[in-house]
N, C-alpha and C. Protein backbone atom coordinates (compact mmCIF):
# COMPACT_ATOMS: atom_id res chain seq x y z
N UNK A 1 122.29 117.50 82.34
CA UNK A 1 121.32 118.26 82.38
C UNK A 1 120.49 116.78 83.32
N UNK A 2 119.51 117.09 84.61
CA UNK A 2 118.77 116.01 84.72
C UNK A 2 117.79 116.99 85.37
N UNK A 3 116.97 115.61 85.87
CA UNK A 3 115.37 116.23 86.55
C UNK A 3 115.22 114.95 87.42
N UNK A 4 114.18 115.31 88.30
CA UNK A 4 113.71 114.44 89.28
C UNK A 4 112.61 114.33 89.07
N UNK A 5 111.95 112.75 88.59
CA UNK A 5 110.50 112.85 88.18
C UNK A 5 109.92 112.12 89.46
N UNK A 6 108.93 112.74 89.95
CA UNK A 6 108.25 112.61 91.71
C UNK A 6 106.81 111.46 91.18
N UNK A 7 106.44 110.60 92.08
CA UNK A 7 105.43 109.57 91.80
C UNK A 7 104.19 110.46 91.39
N UNK A 8 104.15 111.81 91.32
CA UNK A 8 102.68 112.58 91.04
C UNK A 8 103.23 112.39 89.65
N UNK A 9 104.13 112.62 89.18
CA UNK A 9 104.22 112.51 87.43
C UNK A 9 104.17 110.77 86.77
N UNK A 10 104.38 109.83 87.81
CA UNK A 10 103.95 108.98 86.80
C UNK A 10 102.54 108.23 86.23
N UNK A 11 102.57 107.67 85.32
CA UNK A 11 101.56 107.45 84.71
C UNK A 11 101.14 105.51 85.20
N UNK A 12 99.82 105.33 85.10
CA UNK A 12 99.16 104.21 85.71
C UNK A 12 98.90 103.48 84.47
N UNK A 13 99.29 102.20 83.49
CA UNK A 13 98.82 101.82 82.25
C UNK A 13 98.45 100.53 82.90
N UNK A 14 97.80 99.55 82.23
CA UNK A 14 97.47 98.43 81.94
C UNK A 14 98.58 97.35 81.11
N UNK A 15 98.48 96.26 81.48
CA UNK A 15 99.20 95.42 81.15
C UNK A 15 98.75 95.37 79.74
N UNK A 16 100.23 94.74 78.99
CA UNK A 16 99.31 94.33 77.54
C UNK A 16 98.57 93.24 77.18
N UNK A 17 98.99 92.22 78.65
CA UNK A 17 98.22 91.25 78.52
C UNK A 17 96.65 91.03 79.35
N UNK A 18 96.51 92.40 79.63
CA UNK A 18 95.12 92.96 80.52
C UNK A 18 94.66 92.56 81.97
N UNK A 19 95.92 91.55 82.47
CA UNK A 19 95.75 91.28 84.12
C UNK A 19 96.95 91.95 84.70
N UNK A 20 96.62 92.82 84.66
CA UNK A 20 97.11 94.22 85.98
C UNK A 20 97.62 95.04 85.46
N UNK A 21 98.74 95.90 86.38
CA UNK A 21 98.26 97.39 85.80
C UNK A 21 99.87 97.55 86.31
N UNK A 22 100.66 98.93 85.36
CA UNK A 22 102.18 98.83 85.71
C UNK A 22 101.85 100.22 86.05
N UNK A 23 103.17 101.12 86.69
CA UNK A 23 103.16 102.00 86.93
C UNK A 23 104.23 102.43 86.36
N UNK A 24 104.16 103.53 85.20
CA UNK A 24 105.02 104.08 84.45
C UNK A 24 105.82 105.00 84.79
N UNK A 25 107.08 105.12 85.27
CA UNK A 25 107.72 106.27 86.06
C UNK A 25 108.95 106.81 84.64
N UNK A 26 109.00 106.52 83.46
CA UNK A 26 109.53 107.03 82.61
C UNK A 26 109.55 106.54 81.14
N UNK A 27 109.23 107.39 80.14
CA UNK A 27 109.97 106.39 78.70
C UNK A 27 110.22 107.17 77.75
N UNK A 28 110.28 107.31 76.93
CA UNK A 28 111.53 107.64 75.85
C UNK A 28 110.51 109.06 75.17
N UNK A 29 110.92 110.27 74.81
CA UNK A 29 109.64 111.32 74.23
C UNK A 29 109.22 110.57 73.24
N UNK A 30 107.70 110.68 73.27
CA UNK A 30 106.97 110.25 72.29
C UNK A 30 106.48 108.60 72.55
N UNK A 31 107.17 108.00 73.34
CA UNK A 31 106.52 106.92 73.18
C UNK A 31 105.14 106.45 73.80
N UNK A 32 105.00 105.55 73.72
CA UNK A 32 103.58 104.68 74.02
C UNK A 32 103.58 103.04 74.29
N UNK A 33 102.80 102.86 75.06
CA UNK A 33 102.91 101.52 75.74
C UNK A 33 103.51 100.65 74.76
N UNK A 34 102.60 100.45 73.28
CA UNK A 34 103.06 99.59 72.09
C UNK A 34 104.17 100.28 71.14
N UNK A 35 104.73 101.33 71.15
CA UNK A 35 105.71 101.88 70.76
C UNK A 35 106.51 102.70 71.51
N UNK A 36 108.00 102.43 71.78
CA UNK A 36 108.98 103.34 72.68
C UNK A 36 110.33 102.41 72.29
N UNK A 37 111.38 103.22 72.71
CA UNK A 37 112.43 102.68 72.43
C UNK A 37 113.25 102.38 74.17
N UNK A 38 112.99 102.97 74.56
CA UNK A 38 113.12 102.71 76.33
C UNK A 38 111.85 102.85 77.43
N UNK A 39 111.62 102.56 78.29
CA UNK A 39 110.79 102.19 79.35
C UNK A 39 110.90 102.03 80.64
N UNK A 40 110.74 102.75 81.73
CA UNK A 40 110.88 101.99 83.48
C UNK A 40 109.54 102.18 83.42
N UNK A 41 108.93 100.99 84.46
CA UNK A 41 107.89 100.79 85.26
C UNK A 41 108.16 99.92 86.35
N UNK A 42 106.80 99.92 87.54
CA UNK A 42 107.29 99.04 88.47
C UNK A 42 105.85 98.19 88.11
N UNK A 43 105.85 97.44 88.72
CA UNK A 43 105.01 96.07 88.60
C UNK A 43 104.97 95.61 89.95
N UNK A 44 103.53 95.36 90.30
CA UNK A 44 103.15 94.76 91.33
C UNK A 44 102.51 93.08 91.06
N UNK A 45 102.98 92.04 91.19
CA UNK A 45 103.01 90.62 90.55
C UNK A 45 102.02 90.24 91.78
N UNK A 46 100.58 89.81 91.71
CA UNK A 46 100.47 88.57 92.79
C UNK A 46 99.83 87.72 92.64
N UNK A 47 99.59 87.12 91.19
CA UNK A 47 99.50 85.73 90.73
C UNK A 47 100.72 85.21 89.82
N UNK A 48 100.91 83.65 89.94
CA UNK A 48 101.42 83.08 89.15
C UNK A 48 100.58 83.79 87.20
N UNK A 49 101.83 83.52 86.41
CA UNK A 49 100.94 83.41 85.08
C UNK A 49 102.35 84.18 84.30
N UNK A 50 101.45 83.95 82.87
CA UNK A 50 102.16 84.74 81.34
C UNK A 50 102.88 86.01 81.60
N UNK A 51 103.80 86.75 81.19
CA UNK A 51 103.94 88.12 80.81
C UNK A 51 103.48 88.19 79.60
N UNK A 52 103.53 90.01 79.36
CA UNK A 52 103.10 90.16 78.45
C UNK A 52 104.32 90.18 77.33
N UNK A 53 103.93 89.94 75.70
CA UNK A 53 104.62 89.89 74.67
C UNK A 53 105.20 91.26 74.71
N UNK A 54 106.55 91.19 74.49
CA UNK A 54 107.36 92.28 74.44
C UNK A 54 108.54 92.69 73.28
N UNK A 55 107.81 91.66 72.37
CA UNK A 55 109.00 91.12 71.11
C UNK A 55 109.55 92.66 70.79
N UNK A 56 110.71 92.41 69.95
CA UNK A 56 111.67 93.26 70.04
C UNK A 56 112.20 94.35 70.68
N UNK A 57 112.25 94.26 72.25
CA UNK A 57 112.45 94.54 73.67
C UNK A 57 113.48 93.54 74.46
N UNK A 58 114.63 94.13 74.86
CA UNK A 58 115.23 93.28 76.14
C UNK A 58 114.58 93.92 77.60
N UNK A 59 114.45 92.99 78.38
CA UNK A 59 114.13 93.51 79.54
C UNK A 59 114.69 92.94 80.79
N UNK A 60 114.96 93.99 81.60
CA UNK A 60 115.79 93.51 82.42
C UNK A 60 114.79 93.83 83.57
N UNK A 61 114.73 93.01 84.76
CA UNK A 61 113.30 92.86 85.75
C UNK A 61 114.04 92.58 87.02
N UNK A 62 114.05 93.72 87.78
CA UNK A 62 114.31 94.10 89.19
C UNK A 62 113.76 93.37 90.46
N UNK A 63 113.80 92.63 91.38
CA UNK A 63 112.94 92.37 92.82
C UNK A 63 113.37 93.47 93.70
N UNK A 64 112.26 94.53 94.01
CA UNK A 64 112.35 95.42 94.75
C UNK A 64 111.54 95.14 95.96
N UNK A 65 110.45 94.47 96.03
CA UNK A 65 110.06 94.20 96.97
C UNK A 65 109.63 92.81 97.38
N UNK A 66 109.42 91.86 98.46
CA UNK A 66 108.73 90.75 98.44
C UNK A 66 109.74 89.37 98.37
N UNK A 67 109.02 88.42 98.60
CA UNK A 67 109.68 87.17 99.09
C UNK A 67 110.68 86.68 97.69
N UNK A 68 110.18 86.88 96.58
CA UNK A 68 110.76 86.34 94.95
C UNK A 68 110.15 85.73 94.14
N UNK A 69 110.16 85.82 93.15
CA UNK A 69 109.51 85.18 91.97
C UNK A 69 110.77 84.51 91.20
N UNK A 70 109.91 83.49 90.29
CA UNK A 70 111.12 82.50 89.07
C UNK A 70 110.46 82.72 88.16
N UNK A 71 111.10 83.53 87.05
CA UNK A 71 110.99 83.46 85.69
C UNK A 71 111.20 82.18 84.89
N UNK A 72 110.60 81.78 83.89
CA UNK A 72 110.79 80.53 83.06
C UNK A 72 110.74 80.79 81.93
N UNK A 73 111.82 81.18 80.61
CA UNK A 73 111.41 81.59 79.62
C UNK A 73 111.76 80.54 78.52
N UNK A 74 110.79 80.31 77.90
CA UNK A 74 110.28 79.07 76.63
C UNK A 74 110.86 78.48 76.83
N UNK A 75 110.06 77.59 78.32
CA UNK A 75 110.49 76.16 78.82
C UNK A 75 111.42 76.09 78.89
N UNK A 76 112.97 77.01 78.92
CA UNK A 76 114.16 76.25 78.92
C UNK A 76 115.19 76.94 80.13
N UNK A 77 115.28 78.38 80.03
CA UNK A 77 115.62 79.27 81.14
C UNK A 77 114.89 79.34 82.15
N UNK A 78 115.85 79.72 83.37
CA UNK A 78 114.46 79.54 84.34
C UNK A 78 115.41 80.79 84.98
N UNK A 79 115.17 81.78 85.74
CA UNK A 79 116.25 83.09 86.50
C UNK A 79 115.21 82.82 87.54
N UNK A 80 115.78 83.22 89.06
CA UNK A 80 114.84 82.78 90.10
C UNK A 80 115.63 84.46 91.06
N UNK A 81 114.52 84.96 90.87
CA UNK A 81 114.73 86.58 91.98
C UNK A 81 114.51 85.82 93.55
N UNK A 82 115.45 86.07 94.29
CA UNK A 82 114.91 85.95 95.94
C UNK A 82 115.34 86.63 96.75
N UNK A 83 116.51 87.83 96.54
CA UNK A 83 117.27 88.70 96.66
C UNK A 83 116.65 90.19 96.30
N UNK A 84 116.46 90.97 97.36
CA UNK A 84 116.46 92.51 96.73
C UNK A 84 117.37 93.02 95.57
N UNK A 85 117.00 93.45 95.03
CA UNK A 85 117.71 94.19 94.02
C UNK A 85 118.15 92.97 92.27
N UNK A 86 117.60 91.73 93.12
CA UNK A 86 118.76 90.74 92.08
C UNK A 86 117.76 90.94 90.53
N UNK A 87 118.30 90.91 89.70
CA UNK A 87 117.68 90.96 88.55
C UNK A 87 117.62 89.79 86.96
N UNK A 88 117.35 89.38 86.84
CA UNK A 88 116.75 89.06 85.21
C UNK A 88 117.18 89.51 83.84
N UNK A 89 117.77 89.36 83.05
CA UNK A 89 117.85 89.90 81.65
C UNK A 89 117.24 88.91 80.51
N UNK A 90 116.10 89.55 79.72
CA UNK A 90 115.49 88.35 79.37
C UNK A 90 115.02 88.84 77.99
N UNK A 91 114.82 88.29 76.92
CA UNK A 91 114.33 88.43 75.40
C UNK A 91 112.60 89.00 75.97
N UNK A 92 112.12 90.23 75.71
CA UNK A 92 111.03 90.97 75.77
C UNK A 92 110.12 89.78 74.89
N UNK A 93 110.10 89.16 73.58
CA UNK A 93 109.17 88.23 73.15
C UNK A 93 109.74 86.58 73.54
N UNK A 94 110.21 86.29 74.32
CA UNK A 94 110.20 85.13 75.06
C UNK A 94 108.88 84.52 75.41
N UNK A 95 108.21 83.46 75.85
CA UNK A 95 107.04 83.42 76.72
C UNK A 95 107.35 83.11 77.78
N UNK A 96 107.47 84.27 78.59
CA UNK A 96 108.17 84.07 80.02
C UNK A 96 106.84 84.02 80.88
N UNK A 97 106.83 82.92 82.06
CA UNK A 97 105.76 82.83 83.25
C UNK A 97 106.46 83.06 84.41
N UNK A 98 105.43 83.46 84.90
CA UNK A 98 106.74 84.11 86.71
C UNK A 98 105.69 82.85 87.35
N UNK A 99 106.61 82.31 88.58
CA UNK A 99 105.65 81.78 89.62
C UNK A 99 106.58 82.35 90.93
N UNK A 100 105.23 82.94 91.55
CA UNK A 100 105.99 83.48 92.78
C UNK A 100 106.51 82.67 94.00
N UNK A 101 107.41 82.99 94.86
CA UNK A 101 107.59 82.17 95.77
C UNK A 101 107.29 81.90 97.19
N UNK A 102 106.80 83.10 97.29
CA UNK A 102 105.74 83.43 98.82
C UNK A 102 105.10 84.56 98.80
N UNK A 103 104.19 84.95 97.77
CA UNK A 103 103.41 86.13 97.92
C UNK A 103 103.59 87.30 97.16
N UNK A 104 102.74 88.18 97.33
CA UNK A 104 102.78 89.47 96.34
C UNK A 104 104.53 89.42 96.37
N UNK A 105 104.94 90.18 95.17
CA UNK A 105 106.05 90.98 94.91
C UNK A 105 105.77 92.50 94.03
N UNK A 106 106.85 93.08 94.30
CA UNK A 106 106.88 94.23 93.22
C UNK A 106 108.06 94.24 92.67
N UNK A 107 108.16 94.54 91.08
CA UNK A 107 109.66 94.27 90.40
C UNK A 107 109.49 95.78 89.65
N UNK A 108 110.84 96.46 89.48
CA UNK A 108 110.99 97.64 88.42
C UNK A 108 111.56 96.67 87.28
N UNK A 109 110.77 97.17 86.24
CA UNK A 109 111.28 96.99 84.67
C UNK A 109 111.56 97.76 83.78
N UNK A 110 112.84 97.20 83.26
CA UNK A 110 113.79 98.32 82.34
C UNK A 110 113.42 97.63 80.93
N UNK A 111 112.65 98.20 79.97
CA UNK A 111 112.64 97.81 78.54
C UNK A 111 113.14 98.78 77.44
N UNK A 112 114.05 98.11 76.80
CA UNK A 112 115.06 98.76 76.12
C UNK A 112 114.92 97.87 74.42
N UNK A 113 114.85 99.08 73.23
CA UNK A 113 114.58 98.42 72.41
C UNK A 113 115.80 97.59 71.78
N UNK A 114 115.86 96.60 71.45
CA UNK A 114 117.02 95.65 70.99
C UNK A 114 117.64 96.27 69.97
N UNK A 115 118.98 96.03 70.61
CA UNK A 115 120.53 96.55 69.36
C UNK A 115 120.27 97.73 69.56
N UNK A 116 119.66 98.67 70.39
CA UNK A 116 119.84 99.72 70.10
C UNK A 116 120.50 100.91 71.20
N UNK A 117 120.56 99.78 72.51
CA UNK A 117 121.33 100.58 73.46
C UNK A 117 121.83 99.66 74.02
N UNK A 118 123.38 99.71 74.89
CA UNK A 118 124.38 99.32 75.63
C UNK A 118 123.85 99.49 76.69
N UNK A 119 122.92 98.71 77.49
CA UNK A 119 122.56 98.55 79.29
C UNK A 119 123.23 98.49 79.87
N UNK A 120 123.63 99.25 81.04
CA UNK A 120 124.86 98.67 82.22
C UNK A 120 123.58 98.69 83.62
N UNK A 121 123.80 98.31 84.71
CA UNK A 121 123.34 98.66 85.87
C UNK A 121 123.73 97.82 86.86
N UNK A 122 123.65 99.04 88.06
CA UNK A 122 124.26 98.75 89.60
C UNK A 122 123.49 99.13 90.78
N UNK A 123 123.22 97.73 91.12
CA UNK A 123 122.65 97.40 92.68
C UNK A 123 123.00 97.91 93.33
N UNK A 124 122.70 99.02 94.33
CA UNK A 124 123.84 99.14 95.77
C UNK A 124 122.69 98.93 96.91
N UNK A 125 122.94 97.77 97.43
CA UNK A 125 122.14 97.04 98.65
C UNK A 125 122.95 98.23 100.22
N UNK A 126 124.31 97.79 100.44
CA UNK A 126 124.60 98.79 101.46
C UNK A 126 124.87 99.87 101.36
N UNK A 127 124.51 100.88 102.49
CA UNK A 127 124.82 102.26 101.95
C UNK A 127 126.80 102.62 101.33
N UNK A 128 126.64 103.55 100.84
CA UNK A 128 128.15 103.74 99.86
C UNK A 128 127.78 104.76 99.13
N UNK A 129 128.78 105.43 98.65
CA UNK A 129 129.49 106.30 97.34
C UNK A 129 129.63 105.55 96.23
N UNK A 130 128.55 106.34 95.22
CA UNK A 130 129.16 105.71 94.17
C UNK A 130 129.37 106.74 93.33
N UNK A 131 130.08 106.64 92.18
CA UNK A 131 130.44 107.92 91.13
C UNK A 131 130.07 107.42 90.07
N UNK A 132 128.98 108.38 89.44
CA UNK A 132 127.86 108.36 87.87
C UNK A 132 128.46 108.30 87.28
N UNK A 133 127.82 107.56 86.09
CA UNK A 133 128.78 107.41 84.57
C UNK A 133 128.11 108.55 83.64
N UNK A 134 129.10 108.98 82.37
CA UNK A 134 129.21 110.04 81.84
C UNK A 134 128.22 109.43 80.37
N UNK A 135 127.03 108.21 80.69
CA UNK A 135 126.57 107.44 79.55
C UNK A 135 125.58 108.43 79.19
N UNK A 136 124.64 108.23 77.71
CA UNK A 136 123.65 109.14 77.24
C UNK A 136 122.49 109.47 78.16
N UNK A 137 122.06 108.16 78.86
CA UNK A 137 121.32 108.15 79.67
C UNK A 137 121.51 107.51 81.11
N UNK A 138 120.97 108.08 81.91
CA UNK A 138 120.82 107.61 83.54
C UNK A 138 119.85 107.91 84.45
N UNK A 139 119.67 106.97 85.06
CA UNK A 139 118.88 106.87 86.04
C UNK A 139 119.40 106.36 87.06
N UNK A 140 118.69 106.53 88.42
CA UNK A 140 118.67 106.40 89.96
C UNK A 140 117.46 106.39 90.27
N UNK A 141 116.81 105.28 91.10
CA UNK A 141 115.97 105.21 91.50
C UNK A 141 116.22 104.31 93.14
N UNK A 142 115.50 104.66 93.99
CA UNK A 142 115.13 103.95 94.92
C UNK A 142 114.50 103.44 95.96
N UNK A 143 114.04 102.61 96.31
CA UNK A 143 112.22 102.17 96.27
C UNK A 143 111.99 102.85 98.03
N UNK A 144 112.77 102.50 98.82
CA UNK A 144 112.90 102.63 100.03
C UNK A 144 113.55 103.43 100.79
N UNK A 145 114.80 104.02 100.18
CA UNK A 145 115.48 105.15 100.72
C UNK A 145 115.49 106.60 100.01
N UNK A 146 115.89 107.66 100.88
CA UNK A 146 116.49 108.71 100.54
C UNK A 146 118.08 108.77 99.58
N UNK A 147 118.09 109.34 98.71
CA UNK A 147 119.60 109.44 98.28
C UNK A 147 120.26 110.66 98.16
N UNK A 148 121.19 110.43 98.17
CA UNK A 148 122.31 112.14 98.20
C UNK A 148 122.65 111.98 96.86
N UNK A 149 122.27 112.96 96.41
CA UNK A 149 122.99 112.92 94.64
C UNK A 149 124.11 114.55 94.93
N UNK A 150 125.04 114.40 94.20
CA UNK A 150 126.32 115.61 95.04
C UNK A 150 127.02 115.47 93.40
N UNK A 151 127.63 117.25 93.32
CA UNK A 151 128.81 117.26 92.69
C UNK A 151 129.36 118.18 93.29
N UNK A 152 130.99 118.31 94.23
CA UNK A 152 131.25 119.12 94.61
C UNK A 152 130.77 118.97 95.98
N UNK A 153 130.30 120.69 96.25
CA UNK A 153 129.93 120.70 97.44
C UNK A 153 128.49 121.04 97.43
N UNK A 154 127.76 120.68 96.30
CA UNK A 154 126.27 120.83 95.82
C UNK A 154 125.35 119.58 96.24
N UNK A 155 124.73 119.56 97.08
CA UNK A 155 124.36 118.35 97.55
C UNK A 155 122.28 118.74 96.75
N UNK A 156 122.22 117.32 96.49
CA UNK A 156 120.31 116.86 96.14
C UNK A 156 119.93 115.86 96.92
N UNK A 157 119.22 116.18 97.40
CA UNK A 157 118.29 114.60 98.21
C UNK A 157 117.33 114.39 96.80
N UNK A 158 117.42 113.02 96.62
CA UNK A 158 116.70 112.10 95.84
C UNK A 158 115.47 111.55 96.65
N UNK A 159 114.15 111.82 96.58
CA UNK A 159 113.92 111.19 97.65
C UNK A 159 113.13 110.24 97.64
N UNK A 160 113.36 108.82 98.46
CA UNK A 160 112.95 107.62 98.42
C UNK A 160 111.62 107.84 97.27
N UNK A 161 110.95 106.57 96.28
CA UNK A 161 110.35 106.36 95.62
C UNK A 161 110.31 107.57 94.11
N UNK A 162 110.95 108.47 93.83
CA UNK A 162 111.52 109.53 93.09
C UNK A 162 112.36 108.89 91.83
N UNK A 163 112.27 109.42 90.63
CA UNK A 163 113.66 108.91 89.57
C UNK A 163 114.14 110.18 89.27
N UNK A 164 115.71 109.80 89.16
CA UNK A 164 116.27 110.97 89.13
C UNK A 164 116.65 110.26 87.58
N UNK A 165 116.63 111.08 86.07
CA UNK A 165 117.14 110.96 84.58
C UNK A 165 118.01 112.10 84.32
N UNK A 166 118.71 111.59 83.66
CA UNK A 166 120.03 112.70 83.13
C UNK A 166 120.05 112.34 81.90
N UNK A 167 120.58 113.42 81.26
CA UNK A 167 120.55 113.16 79.96
C UNK A 167 122.22 113.75 79.51
N UNK A 168 122.76 113.19 78.84
CA UNK A 168 124.22 113.55 78.10
C UNK A 168 124.91 113.10 79.86
N UNK A 169 124.61 112.35 80.57
CA UNK A 169 125.57 112.11 81.32
C UNK A 169 125.89 113.05 82.82
N UNK A 170 126.22 112.32 83.56
CA UNK A 170 126.45 112.99 85.21
C UNK A 170 127.91 112.90 85.77
N UNK A 171 128.67 113.26 84.47
CA UNK A 171 130.08 113.28 84.90
C UNK A 171 130.52 114.22 85.76
N UNK A 172 131.30 113.54 87.04
CA UNK A 172 131.54 114.34 88.42
C UNK A 172 130.50 114.28 89.18
N UNK A 173 129.30 114.08 89.07
CA UNK A 173 128.39 113.42 89.89
C UNK A 173 128.29 112.03 90.67
N UNK A 174 128.16 112.08 92.25
CA UNK A 174 128.06 111.05 92.72
C UNK A 174 126.57 110.79 93.38
N UNK A 175 126.32 109.57 93.69
CA UNK A 175 125.12 109.47 94.96
C UNK A 175 125.95 108.35 95.89
N UNK A 176 125.37 108.88 96.62
CA UNK A 176 125.33 108.27 98.30
C UNK A 176 124.05 107.72 98.76
N UNK A 177 124.23 106.41 99.07
CA UNK A 177 122.69 105.68 99.54
C UNK A 177 122.48 104.24 99.87
N UNK A 178 121.64 103.41 100.04
CA UNK A 178 121.75 101.88 99.89
C UNK A 178 120.33 101.65 99.44
N UNK A 179 120.21 100.48 98.89
CA UNK A 179 119.06 99.77 98.31
C UNK A 179 118.62 100.78 97.07
N UNK A 180 119.62 101.10 96.14
CA UNK A 180 119.31 101.97 94.76
C UNK A 180 119.80 100.92 93.75
N UNK A 181 119.04 101.32 92.62
CA UNK A 181 119.55 101.05 91.54
C UNK A 181 119.72 101.95 90.42
N UNK A 182 121.14 102.13 89.53
CA UNK A 182 121.64 103.02 88.98
C UNK A 182 121.49 102.17 87.51
N UNK A 183 120.58 102.56 86.52
CA UNK A 183 120.16 102.12 85.36
C UNK A 183 121.36 103.08 84.25
N UNK A 184 122.20 102.63 83.20
CA UNK A 184 123.00 103.69 82.23
C UNK A 184 122.42 103.17 81.04
N UNK A 185 122.03 103.83 80.26
CA UNK A 185 121.83 103.52 78.61
C UNK A 185 122.82 104.27 77.65
N UNK A 186 123.46 103.24 76.81
CA UNK A 186 124.77 104.49 76.04
C UNK A 186 123.57 103.61 74.47
N UNK A 187 123.60 104.79 73.78
CA UNK A 187 123.31 104.13 72.17
C UNK A 187 124.25 103.57 71.54
N UNK A 188 123.45 102.66 70.81
CA UNK A 188 125.05 102.16 69.78
C UNK A 188 124.89 102.37 68.35
């Protein structure tokens, strides 16, 4: 079973640190900004600064627009996102400082409760055909292009900027497109 979420259904919420807003694409049923199991959002980052604290959560942050950002966690490890769909995975409770490379960026942020999900992601840059997994939850998102979602002879277009959310897997389905993200969550 799947559904396609349109940008009209997305919710704009303030950052926990009050320094910006995020566009929430999807959140687990009953989830709130301060209490959720999983959440997918998009943020525009226009200045350097400290990221909000999300202790108890894993963060997977993908660059979807802009020249790049470096993320330094607890003054120790630095992740550099300077290519489209590059990703940084880090502890949401880390003190993370973002430094923009050359102007404003947009990122897609997946947050999951630590130890609750096995997270797998695939970033497709070039146009290709990709069989979808049969995981508990699967999401497909393309910031720039439409994606074709199919099973057998049945085709559905996932418009640019829309989010495909599937529960109980998508065995037998595939997507064709470019510059898209596929996110898989499996309960542990």
